[in-house]
PDB file of N, CA and C in Angstrom:
ATOM      1  N   MET A   1      51.379 136.513  57.599  1.00  0.00           N
ATOM      2  CA  MET A   1      51.836 135.343  56.922  1.00  0.00           C
ATOM      3  C   MET A   1      52.358 135.700  55.543  1.00  0.00           C
ATOM      4  N   GLY A   2      53.389 136.488  55.507  1.00  0.00           N
ATOM      5  CA  GLY A   2      53.939 136.914  54.241  1.00  0.00           C
ATOM      6  C   GLY A   2      54.728 135.806  53.576  1.00  0.00           C
ATOM      7  N   PHE A   3      54.539 135.686  52.291  1.00  0.00           N
ATOM      8  CA  PHE A   3      55.292 134.692  51.547  1.00  0.00           C
ATOM      9  C   PHE A   3      56.725 135.156  51.344  1.00  0.00           C
ATOM     10  N   PHE A   4      56.869 136.440  51.050  1.00  0.00           N
ATOM     11  CA  PHE A   4      58.192 137.034  50.895  1.00  0.00           C
ATOM     12  C   PHE A   4      58.319 138.193  51.862  1.00  0.00           C
ATOM     13  N   SER A   5      59.491 138.345  52.390  1.00  0.00           N
ATOM     14  CA  SER A   5      59.754 139.460  53.291  1.00  0.00           C
ATOM     15  C   SER A   5      60.965 140.209  52.754  1.00  0.00           C
ATOM     16  N   PHE A   6      60.758 141.431  52.276  1.00  0.00           N
ATOM     17  CA  PHE A   6      61.842 142.177  51.661  1.00  0.00           C
ATOM     18  C   PHE A   6      62.728 142.872  52.679  1.00  0.00           C
ATOM     19  N   ASN A   7      62.212 143.158  53.847  1.00  0.00           N
ATOM     20  CA  ASN A   7      62.995 143.913  54.813  1.00  0.00           C
ATOM     21  C   ASN A   7      63.507 143.055  55.960  1.00  0.00           C
ATOM     22  N   LYS A   8      63.447 141.755  55.839  1.00  0.00           N
ATOM     23  CA  LYS A   8      63.907 140.874  56.904  1.00  0.00           C
ATOM     24  C   LYS A   8      65.426 140.786  56.869  1.00  0.00           C
ATOM     25  N   LEU A   9      66.047 141.095  57.987  1.00  0.00           N
ATOM     26  CA  LEU A   9      67.490 141.005  58.085  1.00  0.00           C
ATOM     27  C   LEU A   9      67.896 139.576  58.417  1.00  0.00           C
ATOM     28  N   ALA A  10      69.040 139.189  57.938  1.00  0.00           N
ATOM     29  CA  ALA A  10      69.546 137.861  58.249  1.00  0.00           C
ATOM     30  C   ALA A  10      69.911 137.796  59.727  1.00  0.00           C
ATOM     31  N   SER A  11      69.566 136.698  60.355  1.00  0.00           N
ATOM     32  CA  SER A  11      69.878 136.572  61.783  1.00  0.00           C
ATOM     33  C   SER A  11      71.352 136.237  61.959  1.00  0.00           C
ATOM     34  N   HIS A  12      71.874 136.607  63.093  1.00  0.00           N
ATOM     35  CA  HIS A  12      73.280 136.362  63.362  1.00  0.00           C
ATOM     36  C   HIS A  12      73.500 134.886  63.660  1.00  0.00           C
ATOM     37  N   ARG A  13      74.724 134.438  63.426  1.00  0.00           N
ATOM     38  CA  ARG A  13      75.069 133.054  63.691  1.00  0.00           C
ATOM     39  C   ARG A  13      75.519 132.926  65.130  1.00  0.00           C
ATOM     40  N   VAL A  14      75.113 131.860  65.767  1.00  0.00           N
ATOM     41  CA  VAL A  14      75.433 131.642  67.174  1.00  0.00           C
ATOM     42  C   VAL A  14      76.427 130.494  67.269  1.00  0.00           C
ATOM     43  N   PHE A  15      77.468 130.702  68.032  1.00  0.00           N
ATOM     44  CA  PHE A  15      78.483 129.688  68.246  1.00  0.00           C
ATOM     45  C   PHE A  15      78.545 129.350  69.729  1.00  0.00           C
ATOM     46  N   ASN A  16      78.961 128.156  70.036  1.00  0.00           N
ATOM     47  CA  ASN A  16      79.103 127.730  71.429  1.00  0.00           C
ATOM     48  C   ASN A  16      80.519 128.023  71.898  1.00  0.00           C
ATOM     49  N   TYR A  17      80.874 129.282  71.917  1.00  0.00           N
ATOM     50  CA  TYR A  17      82.220 129.686  72.292  1.00  0.00           C
ATOM     51  C   TYR A  17      82.263 129.980  73.786  1.00  0.00           C
ATOM     52  N   VAL A  18      83.165 129.306  74.471  1.00  0.00           N
ATOM     53  CA  VAL A  18      83.366 129.555  75.894  1.00  0.00           C
ATOM     54  C   VAL A  18      84.769 130.138  76.043  1.00  0.00           C
ATOM     55  N   PRO A  19      84.875 131.408  76.395  1.00  0.00           N
ATOM     56  CA  PRO A  19      86.207 132.005  76.507  1.00  0.00           C
ATOM     57  C   PRO A  19      86.990 131.370  77.651  1.00  0.00           C
ATOM     58  N   ARG A  20      88.283 131.175  77.405  1.00  0.00           N
ATOM     59  CA  ARG A  20      89.157 130.593  78.414  1.00  0.00           C
ATOM     60  C   ARG A  20      90.329 131.521  78.643  1.00  0.00           C
ATOM     61  N   TYR A  21      90.834 131.457  79.829  1.00  0.00           N
ATOM     62  CA  TYR A  21      91.983 132.270  80.175  1.00  0.00           C
ATOM     63  C   TYR A  21      93.232 131.572  79.673  1.00  0.00           C
ATOM     64  N   TYR A  22      94.101 132.306  79.017  1.00  0.00           N
ATOM     65  CA  TYR A  22      95.348 131.758  78.503  1.00  0.00           C
ATOM     66  C   TYR A  22      96.493 132.303  79.337  1.00  0.00           C
ATOM     67  N   ASP A  23      97.277 131.392  79.892  1.00  0.00           N
ATOM     68  CA  ASP A  23      98.419 131.771  80.718  1.00  0.00           C
ATOM     69  C   ASP A  23      99.687 131.284  80.026  1.00  0.00           C
ATOM     70  N   PRO A  24     100.440 132.177  79.379  1.00  0.00           N
ATOM     71  CA  PRO A  24     101.647 131.731  78.671  1.00  0.00           C
ATOM     72  C   PRO A  24     102.700 131.167  79.619  1.00  0.00           C
ATOM     73  N   ASP A  25     102.762 131.675  80.846  1.00  0.00           N
ATOM     74  CA  ASP A  25     103.740 131.138  81.803  1.00  0.00           C
ATOM     75  C   ASP A  25     103.423 129.684  82.139  1.00  0.00           C
ATOM     76  N   LYS A  26     102.134 129.379  82.291  1.00  0.00           N
ATOM     77  CA  LYS A  26     101.746 128.005  82.591  1.00  0.00           C
ATOM     78  C   LYS A  26     102.076 127.091  81.413  1.00  0.00           C
ATOM     79  N   GLU A  27     101.873 127.579  80.184  1.00  0.00           N
ATOM     80  CA  GLU A  27     102.216 126.786  79.001  1.00  0.00           C
ATOM     81  C   GLU A  27     103.712 126.467  78.981  1.00  0.00           C
ATOM     82  N   LYS A  28     104.536 127.456  79.294  1.00  0.00           N
ATOM     83  CA  LYS A  28     105.986 127.234  79.326  1.00  0.00           C
ATOM     84  C   LYS A  28     106.350 126.222  80.402  1.00  0.00           C
ATOM     85  N   ARG A  29     105.732 126.363  81.592  1.00  0.00           N
ATOM     86  CA  ARG A  29     106.020 125.420  82.681  1.00  0.00           C
ATOM     87  C   ARG A  29     105.615 124.008  82.294  1.00  0.00           C
ATOM     88  N   ASP A  30     104.442 123.857  81.687  1.00  0.00           N
ATOM     89  CA  ASP A  30     103.987 122.530  81.274  1.00  0.00           C
ATOM     90  C   ASP A  30     104.911 121.920  80.225  1.00  0.00           C
ATOM     91  N   ALA A  31     105.395 122.746  79.297  1.00  0.00           N
ATOM     92  CA  ALA A  31     106.316 122.238  78.276  1.00  0.00           C
ATOM     93  C   ALA A  31     107.625 121.787  78.909  1.00  0.00           C
ATOM     94  N   ILE A  32     108.128 122.556  79.871  1.00  0.00           N
ATOM     95  CA  ILE A  32     109.378 122.188  80.546  1.00  0.00           C
ATOM     96  C   ILE A  32     109.184 120.891  81.325  1.00  0.00           C
ATOM     97  N   VAL A  33     108.067 120.769  82.035  1.00  0.00           N
ATOM     98  CA  VAL A  33     107.795 119.555  82.810  1.00  0.00           C
ATOM     99  C   VAL A  33     107.648 118.358  81.880  1.00  0.00           C
ATOM    100  N   ARG A  34     106.962 118.534  80.748  1.00  0.00           N
ATOM    101  CA  ARG A  34     106.781 117.441  79.797  1.00  0.00           C
ATOM    102  C   ARG A  34     108.119 116.977  79.232  1.00  0.00           C
ATOM    103  N   ARG A  35     108.982 117.944  78.866  1.00  0.00           N
ATOM    104  CA  ARG A  35     110.310 117.577  78.356  1.00  0.00           C
ATOM    105  C   ARG A  35     111.125 116.856  79.420  1.00  0.00           C
ATOM    106  N   ALA A  36     111.016 117.323  80.669  1.00  0.00           N
ATOM    107  CA  ALA A  36     111.763 116.688  81.758  1.00  0.00           C
ATOM    108  C   ALA A  36     111.280 115.254  81.976  1.00  0.00           C
ATOM    109  N   LYS A  37     109.972 115.031  81.878  1.00  0.00           N
ATOM    110  CA  LYS A  37     109.447 113.679  82.043  1.00  0.00           C
ATOM    111  C   LYS A  37     109.902 112.768  80.915  1.00  0.00           C
ATOM    112  N   VAL A  38     109.979 113.313  79.693  1.00  0.00           N
ATOM    113  CA  VAL A  38     110.459 112.518  78.561  1.00  0.00           C
ATOM    114  C   VAL A  38     111.922 112.164  78.773  1.00  0.00           C
ATOM    115  N   GLU A  39     112.720 113.130  79.216  1.00  0.00           N
ATOM    116  CA  GLU A  39     114.143 112.873  79.441  1.00  0.00           C
ATOM    117  C   GLU A  39     114.351 111.886  80.586  1.00  0.00           C
ATOM    118  N   ALA A  40     113.469 111.917  81.585  1.00  0.00           N
ATOM    119  CA  ALA A  40     113.597 110.999  82.716  1.00  0.00           C
ATOM    120  C   ALA A  40     113.074 109.611  82.361  1.00  0.00           C
ATOM    121  N   GLY A  41     112.379 109.500  81.250  1.00  0.00           N
ATOM    122  CA  GLY A  41     111.866 108.206  80.825  1.00  0.00           C
ATOM    123  C   GLY A  41     110.495 107.893  81.390  1.00  0.00           C
ATOM    124  N   LEU A  42     109.847 108.843  82.007  1.00  0.00           N
ATOM    125  CA  LEU A  42     108.512 108.610  82.560  1.00  0.00           C
ATOM    126  C   LEU A  42     107.442 108.602  81.471  1.00  0.00           C
ATOM    127  N   ILE A  43     107.673 109.362  80.421  1.00  0.00           N
ATOM    128  CA  ILE A  43     106.732 109.437  79.295  1.00  0.00           C
ATOM    129  C   ILE A  43     107.506 109.097  78.023  1.00  0.00           C
ATOM    130  N   PRO A  44     106.976 108.182  77.198  1.00  0.00           N
ATOM    131  CA  PRO A  44     107.662 107.907  75.924  1.00  0.00           C
ATOM    132  C   PRO A  44     107.569 109.106  74.974  1.00  0.00           C
ATOM    133  N   GLU A  45     108.521 109.206  74.054  1.00  0.00           N
ATOM    134  CA  GLU A  45     108.562 110.347  73.127  1.00  0.00           C
ATOM    135  C   GLU A  45     107.387 110.348  72.157  1.00  0.00           C
ATOM    136  N   GLU A  46     106.792 109.185  71.949  1.00  0.00           N
ATOM    137  CA  GLU A  46     105.652 109.124  71.029  1.00  0.00           C
ATOM    138  C   GLU A  46     104.487 109.960  71.547  1.00  0.00           C
ATOM    139  N   ASP A  47     104.358 110.056  72.874  1.00  0.00           N
ATOM    140  CA  ASP A  47     103.281 110.868  73.437  1.00  0.00           C
ATOM    141  C   ASP A  47     103.479 112.343  73.125  1.00  0.00           C
ATOM    142  N   MET A  48     104.727 112.771  73.029  1.00  0.00           N
ATOM    143  CA  MET A  48     104.994 114.164  72.652  1.00  0.00           C
ATOM    144  C   MET A  48     104.514 114.417  71.227  1.00  0.00           C
ATOM    145  N   ASP A  49     104.711 113.429  70.358  1.00  0.00           N
ATOM    146  CA  ASP A  49     104.281 113.580  68.970  1.00  0.00           C
ATOM    147  C   ASP A  49     102.760 113.528  68.844  1.00  0.00           C
ATOM    148  N   GLN A  50     102.089 112.866  69.781  1.00  0.00           N
ATOM    149  CA  GLN A  50     100.632 112.794  69.724  1.00  0.00           C
ATOM    150  C   GLN A  50     100.008 114.169  69.886  1.00  0.00           C
ATOM    151  N   ASP A  51     100.633 115.031  70.657  1.00  0.00           N
ATOM    152  CA  ASP A  51     100.099 116.380  70.803  1.00  0.00           C
ATOM    153  C   ASP A  51     100.080 117.097  69.456  1.00  0.00           C
ATOM    154  N   VAL A  52     101.136 116.917  68.688  1.00  0.00           N
ATOM    155  CA  VAL A  52     101.204 117.537  67.366  1.00  0.00           C
ATOM    156  C   VAL A  52     100.155 116.918  66.445  1.00  0.00           C
ATOM    157  N   GLU A  53     100.030 115.599  66.493  1.00  0.00           N
ATOM    158  CA  GLU A  53      99.052 114.927  65.636  1.00  0.00           C
ATOM    159  C   GLU A  53      97.619 115.311  66.002  1.00  0.00           C
ATOM    160  N   SER A  54      97.348 115.431  67.287  1.00  0.00           N
ATOM    161  CA  SER A  54      95.987 115.825  67.672  1.00  0.00           C
ATOM    162  C   SER A  54      95.702 117.260  67.235  1.00  0.00           C
ATOM    163  N   ALA A  55      96.711 118.114  67.267  1.00  0.00           N
ATOM    164  CA  ALA A  55      96.528 119.486  66.790  1.00  0.00           C
ATOM    165  C   ALA A  55      96.242 119.486  65.289  1.00  0.00           C
ATOM    166  N   LYS A  56      96.946 118.636  64.546  1.00  0.00           N
ATOM    167  CA  LYS A  56      96.702 118.539  63.102  1.00  0.00           C
ATOM    168  C   LYS A  56      95.275 118.062  62.823  1.00  0.00           C
ATOM    169  N   ARG A  57      94.809 117.097  63.611  1.00  0.00           N
ATOM    170  CA  ARG A  57      93.441 116.602  63.425  1.00  0.00           C
ATOM    171  C   ARG A  57      92.420 117.696  63.714  1.00  0.00           C
ATOM    172  N   ARG A  58      92.663 118.466  64.762  1.00  0.00           N
ATOM    173  CA  ARG A  58      91.730 119.546  65.093  1.00  0.00           C
ATOM    174  C   ARG A  58      91.691 120.594  63.985  1.00  0.00           C
ATOM    175  N   ILE A  59      92.850 120.904  63.430  1.00  0.00           N
ATOM    176  CA  ILE A  59      92.902 121.902  62.357  1.00  0.00           C
ATOM    177  C   ILE A  59      92.169 121.392  61.119  1.00  0.00           C
ATOM    178  N   SER A  60      92.415 120.129  60.750  1.00  0.00           N
ATOM    179  CA  SER A  60      91.740 119.596  59.561  1.00  0.00           C
ATOM    180  C   SER A  60      90.236 119.500  59.787  1.00  0.00           C
ATOM    181  N   LYS A  61      89.820 119.181  61.004  1.00  0.00           N
ATOM    182  CA  LYS A  61      88.391 119.135  61.314  1.00  0.00           C
ATOM    183  C   LYS A  61      87.768 120.519  61.189  1.00  0.00           C
ATOM    184  N   ALA A  62      88.503 121.545  61.592  1.00  0.00           N
ATOM    185  CA  ALA A  62      87.991 122.910  61.475  1.00  0.00           C
ATOM    186  C   ALA A  62      87.807 123.294  60.004  1.00  0.00           C
ATOM    187  N   PHE A  63      88.725 122.860  59.148  1.00  0.00           N
ATOM    188  CA  PHE A  63      88.584 123.164  57.725  1.00  0.00           C
ATOM    189  C   PHE A  63      87.390 122.424  57.126  1.00  0.00           C
ATOM    190  N   HIS A  64      87.157 121.195  57.559  1.00  0.00           N
ATOM    191  CA  HIS A  64      86.021 120.440  57.033  1.00  0.00           C
ATOM    192  C   HIS A  64      84.700 121.007  57.519  1.00  0.00           C
ATOM    193  N   SER A  65      84.676 121.569  58.698  1.00  0.00           N
ATOM    194  CA  SER A  65      83.421 122.116  59.220  1.00  0.00           C
ATOM    195  C   SER A  65      83.048 123.430  58.544  1.00  0.00           C
ATOM    196  N   ARG A  66      83.934 123.990  57.742  1.00  0.00           N
ATOM    197  CA  ARG A  66      83.605 125.222  57.019  1.00  0.00           C
ATOM    198  C   ARG A  66      82.540 124.978  55.969  1.00  0.00           C
ATOM    199  N   GLY A  67      82.291 123.732  55.622  1.00  0.00           N
ATOM    200  CA  GLY A  67      81.231 123.421  54.671  1.00  0.00           C
ATOM    201  C   GLY A  67      79.882 123.896  55.160  1.00  0.00           C
ATOM    202  N   ILE A  68      79.709 123.929  56.463  1.00  0.00           N
ATOM    203  CA  ILE A  68      78.455 124.410  57.033  1.00  0.00           C
ATOM    204  C   ILE A  68      78.278 125.880  56.703  1.00  0.00           C
ATOM    205  N   SER A  69      79.341 126.663  56.861  1.00  0.00           N
ATOM    206  CA  SER A  69      79.221 128.088  56.563  1.00  0.00           C
ATOM    207  C   SER A  69      79.058 128.321  55.061  1.00  0.00           C
ATOM    208  N   ASN A  70      79.623 127.440  54.230  1.00  0.00           N
ATOM    209  CA  ASN A  70      79.414 127.571  52.789  1.00  0.00           C
ATOM    210  C   ASN A  70      77.942 127.379  52.446  1.00  0.00           C
ATOM    211  N   ASN A  71      77.279 126.468  53.137  1.00  0.00           N
ATOM    212  CA  ASN A  71      75.849 126.263  52.915  1.00  0.00           C
ATOM    213  C   ASN A  71      75.070 127.508  53.313  1.00  0.00           C
ATOM    214  N   TYR A  72      75.465 128.134  54.403  1.00  0.00           N
ATOM    215  CA  TYR A  72      74.814 129.364  54.863  1.00  0.00           C
ATOM    216  C   TYR A  72      74.989 130.465  53.820  1.00  0.00           C
ATOM    217  N   LYS A  73      76.190 130.592  53.267  1.00  0.00           N
ATOM    218  CA  LYS A  73      76.441 131.606  52.241  1.00  0.00           C
ATOM    219  C   LYS A  73      75.618 131.319  50.988  1.00  0.00           C
ATOM    220  N   ARG A  74      75.544 130.049  50.632  1.00  0.00           N
ATOM    221  CA  ARG A  74      74.822 129.673  49.418  1.00  0.00           C
ATOM    222  C   ARG A  74      73.341 130.027  49.538  1.00  0.00           C
ATOM    223  N   THR A  75      72.734 129.733  50.683  1.00  0.00           N
ATOM    224  CA  THR A  75      71.311 130.027  50.841  1.00  0.00           C
ATOM    225  C   THR A  75      71.056 131.530  50.887  1.00  0.00           C
ATOM    226  N   SER A  76      71.934 132.284  51.538  1.00  0.00           N
ATOM    227  CA  SER A  76      71.724 133.734  51.581  1.00  0.00           C
ATOM    228  C   SER A  76      71.923 134.345  50.196  1.00  0.00           C
ATOM    229  N   HIS A  77      72.869 133.823  49.426  1.00  0.00           N
ATOM    230  CA  HIS A  77      73.088 134.311  48.065  1.00  0.00           C
ATOM    231  C   HIS A  77      71.882 133.986  47.188  1.00  0.00           C
ATOM    232  N   LYS A  78      71.317 132.807  47.369  1.00  0.00           N
ATOM    233  CA  LYS A  78      70.142 132.408  46.597  1.00  0.00           C
ATOM    234  C   LYS A  78      68.954 133.308  46.926  1.00  0.00           C
ATOM    235  N   LYS A  79      68.773 133.637  48.207  1.00  0.00           N
ATOM    236  CA  LYS A  79      67.676 134.516  48.605  1.00  0.00           C
ATOM    237  C   LYS A  79      67.833 135.900  47.993  1.00  0.00           C
ATOM    238  N   SER A  80      69.064 136.411  47.965  1.00  0.00           N
ATOM    239  CA  SER A  80      69.262 137.742  47.394  1.00  0.00           C
ATOM    240  C   SER A  80      69.006 137.723  45.886  1.00  0.00           C
ATOM    241  N   ASN A  81      69.373 136.657  45.207  1.00  0.00           N
ATOM    242  CA  ASN A  81      69.097 136.555  43.769  1.00  0.00           C
ATOM    243  C   ASN A  81      67.597 136.506  43.498  1.00  0.00           C
ATOM    244  N   ILE A  82      66.866 135.786  44.330  1.00  0.00           N
ATOM    245  CA  ILE A  82      65.408 135.727  44.164  1.00  0.00           C
ATOM    246  C   ILE A  82      64.806 137.108  44.379  1.00  0.00           C
ATOM    247  N   ARG A  83      65.280 137.821  45.384  1.00  0.00           N
ATOM    248  CA  ARG A  83      64.776 139.164  45.681  1.00  0.00           C
ATOM    249  C   ARG A  83      65.041 140.105  44.505  1.00  0.00           C
ATOM    250  N   ILE A  84      66.228 140.045  43.928  1.00  0.00           N
ATOM    251  CA  ILE A  84      66.556 140.901  42.781  1.00  0.00           C
ATOM    252  C   ILE A  84      65.665 140.550  41.587  1.00  0.00           C
ATOM    253  N   GLY A  85      65.432 139.257  41.369  1.00  0.00           N
ATOM    254  CA  GLY A  85      64.561 138.837  40.274  1.00  0.00           C
ATOM    255  C   GLY A  85      63.146 139.356  40.435  1.00  0.00           C
ATOM    256  N   ILE A  86      62.625 139.297  41.650  1.00  0.00           N
ATOM    257  CA  ILE A  86      61.267 139.795  41.900  1.00  0.00           C
ATOM    258  C   ILE A  86      61.199 141.299  41.667  1.00  0.00           C
ATOM    259  N   ILE A  87      62.210 142.030  42.105  1.00  0.00           N
ATOM    260  CA  ILE A  87      62.232 143.484  41.904  1.00  0.00           C
ATOM    261  C   ILE A  87      62.275 143.818  40.416  1.00  0.00           C
ATOM    262  N   ILE A  88      63.071 143.078  39.646  1.00  0.00           N
ATOM    263  CA  ILE A  88      63.156 143.325  38.202  1.00  0.00           C
ATOM    264  C   ILE A  88      61.809 143.054  37.532  1.00  0.00           C
ATOM    265  N   ILE A  89      61.139 141.977  37.939  1.00  0.00           N
ATOM    266  CA  ILE A  89      59.832 141.655  37.353  1.00  0.00           C
ATOM    267  C   ILE A  89      58.813 142.744  37.678  1.00  0.00           C
ATOM    268  N   ILE A  90      58.824 143.222  38.923  1.00  0.00           N
ATOM    269  CA  ILE A  90      57.887 144.283  39.312  1.00  0.00           C
ATOM    270  C   ILE A  90      58.163 145.563  38.529  1.00  0.00           C
ATOM    271  N   LEU A  91      59.433 145.939  38.402  1.00  0.00           N
ATOM    272  CA  LEU A  91      59.774 147.153  37.652  1.00  0.00           C
ATOM    273  C   LEU A  91      59.410 147.023  36.177  1.00  0.00           C
ATOM    274  N   ALA A  92      59.640 145.846  35.600  1.00  0.00           N
ATOM    275  CA  ALA A  92      59.277 145.643  34.197  1.00  0.00           C
ATOM    276  C   ALA A  92      57.761 145.730  34.022  1.00  0.00           C
ATOM    277  N   GLY A  93      57.013 145.177  34.963  1.00  0.00           N
ATOM    278  CA  GLY A  93      55.550 145.267  34.893  1.00  0.00           C
ATOM    279  C   GLY A  93      55.065 146.695  35.010  1.00  0.00           C
ATOM    280  N   LEU A  94      55.648 147.460  35.925  1.00  0.00           N
ATOM    281  CA  LEU A  94      55.270 148.870  36.064  1.00  0.00           C
ATOM    282  C   LEU A  94      55.614 149.664  34.808  1.00  0.00           C
ATOM    283  N   ALA A  95      56.775 149.401  34.232  1.00  0.00           N
ATOM    284  CA  ALA A  95      57.159 150.101  33.007  1.00  0.00           C
ATOM    285  C   ALA A  95      56.191 149.763  31.874  1.00  0.00           C
ATOM    286  N   TYR A  96      55.794 148.510  31.781  1.00  0.00           N
ATOM    287  CA  TYR A  96      54.834 148.104  30.750  1.00  0.00           C
ATOM    288  C   TYR A  96      53.497 148.809  30.941  1.00  0.00           C
ATOM    289  N   ILE A  97      53.030 148.847  32.173  1.00  0.00           N
ATOM    290  CA  ILE A  97      51.736 149.493  32.454  1.00  0.00           C
ATOM    291  C   ILE A  97      51.803 150.981  32.136  1.00  0.00           C
ATOM    292  N   ILE A  98      52.866 151.640  32.558  1.00  0.00           N
ATOM    293  CA  ILE A  98      52.998 153.081  32.316  1.00  0.00           C
ATOM    294  C   ILE A  98      53.089 153.372  30.824  1.00  0.00           C
ATOM    295  N   LEU A  99      53.894 152.616  30.108  1.00  0.00           N
ATOM    296  CA  LEU A  99      54.056 152.864  28.675  1.00  0.00           C
ATOM    297  C   LEU A  99      52.818 152.462  27.881  1.00  0.00           C
ATOM    298  N   ASN A 100      52.138 151.425  28.277  1.00  0.00           N
ATOM    299  CA  ASN A 100      50.989 150.938  27.527  1.00  0.00           C
ATOM    300  C   ASN A 100      49.770 151.843  27.699  1.00  0.00           C
ATOM    301  N   PHE A 101      49.505 152.304  28.904  1.00  0.00           N
ATOM    302  CA  PHE A 101      48.293 153.075  29.144  1.00  0.00           C
ATOM    303  C   PHE A 101      48.487 154.572  28.961  1.00  0.00           C
ATOM    304  N   ASN A 102      49.680 155.058  29.024  1.00  0.00           N
ATOM    305  CA  ASN A 102      49.924 156.490  28.883  1.00  0.00           C
ATOM    306  C   ASN A 102      50.716 156.804  27.620  1.00  0.00           C
ATOM    307  N   ILE A 103      50.580 155.983  26.603  1.00  0.00           N
ATOM    308  CA  ILE A 103      51.331 156.193  25.370  1.00  0.00           C
ATOM    309  C   ILE A 103      50.884 157.470  24.670  1.00  0.00           C
ATOM    310  N   ASP A 104      49.593 157.804  24.732  1.00  0.00           N
ATOM    311  CA  ASP A 104      49.105 159.033  24.087  1.00  0.00           C
ATOM    312  C   ASP A 104      49.713 160.255  24.764  1.00  0.00           C
ATOM    313  N   LEU A 105      49.811 160.223  26.074  1.00  0.00           N
ATOM    314  CA  LEU A 105      50.396 161.338  26.818  1.00  0.00           C
ATOM    315  C   LEU A 105      51.878 161.494  26.474  1.00  0.00           C
ATOM    316  N   LEU A 106      52.578 160.383  26.343  1.00  0.00           N
ATOM    317  CA  LEU A 106      53.999 160.447  25.994  1.00  0.00           C
ATOM    318  C   LEU A 106      54.205 160.961  24.569  1.00  0.00           C
ATOM    319  N   VAL A 107      53.326 160.582  23.660  1.00  0.00           N
ATOM    320  CA  VAL A 107      53.431 161.054  22.275  1.00  0.00           C
ATOM    321  C   VAL A 107      53.222 162.557  22.230  1.00  0.00           C
ATOM    322  N   GLU A 108      52.261 163.085  22.994  1.00  0.00           N
ATOM    323  CA  GLU A 108      52.011 164.527  23.028  1.00  0.00           C
ATOM    324  C   GLU A 108      53.188 165.279  23.641  1.00  0.00           C
ATOM    325  N   LEU A 109      53.843 164.699  24.623  1.00  0.00           N
ATOM    326  CA  LEU A 109      54.980 165.361  25.267  1.00  0.00           C
ATOM    327  C   LEU A 109      56.168 165.515  24.319  1.00  0.00           C
ATOM    328  N   PHE A 110      56.402 164.536  23.478  1.00  0.00           N
ATOM    329  CA  PHE A 110      57.563 164.580  22.599  1.00  0.00           C
ATOM    330  C   PHE A 110      57.287 165.267  21.261  1.00  0.00           C
ATOM    331  N   GLN A 111      56.071 165.731  21.019  1.00  0.00           N
ATOM    332  CA  GLN A 111      55.788 166.428  19.758  1.00  0.00           C
ATOM    333  C   GLN A 111      55.788 167.897  19.933  1.00  0.00           C
TER     334      GLN A 111
END
């Protein structure tokens, strides 16, 4: 039940990424079919613009979700600062103890 753990590594971040197969030929075929449907009047042109708008929304949502990773960075940075502070306090205490109790030995060494 350690209060502080100096050698604990940060755990990796887990994402719900599901890889998908990308077929550029299918994308081209779908674009050609979509344009043909618009030209034939089966689909209004506004629906073509909705694809662009939905892509813009997805991109802006991705930028807003980066705040989560900023919080992760902030907490890890705070932990490292606390660790450095504790190390400095320990080193200062050791230096004080060494200099305070062995001052006679140090005086003899430099004379």
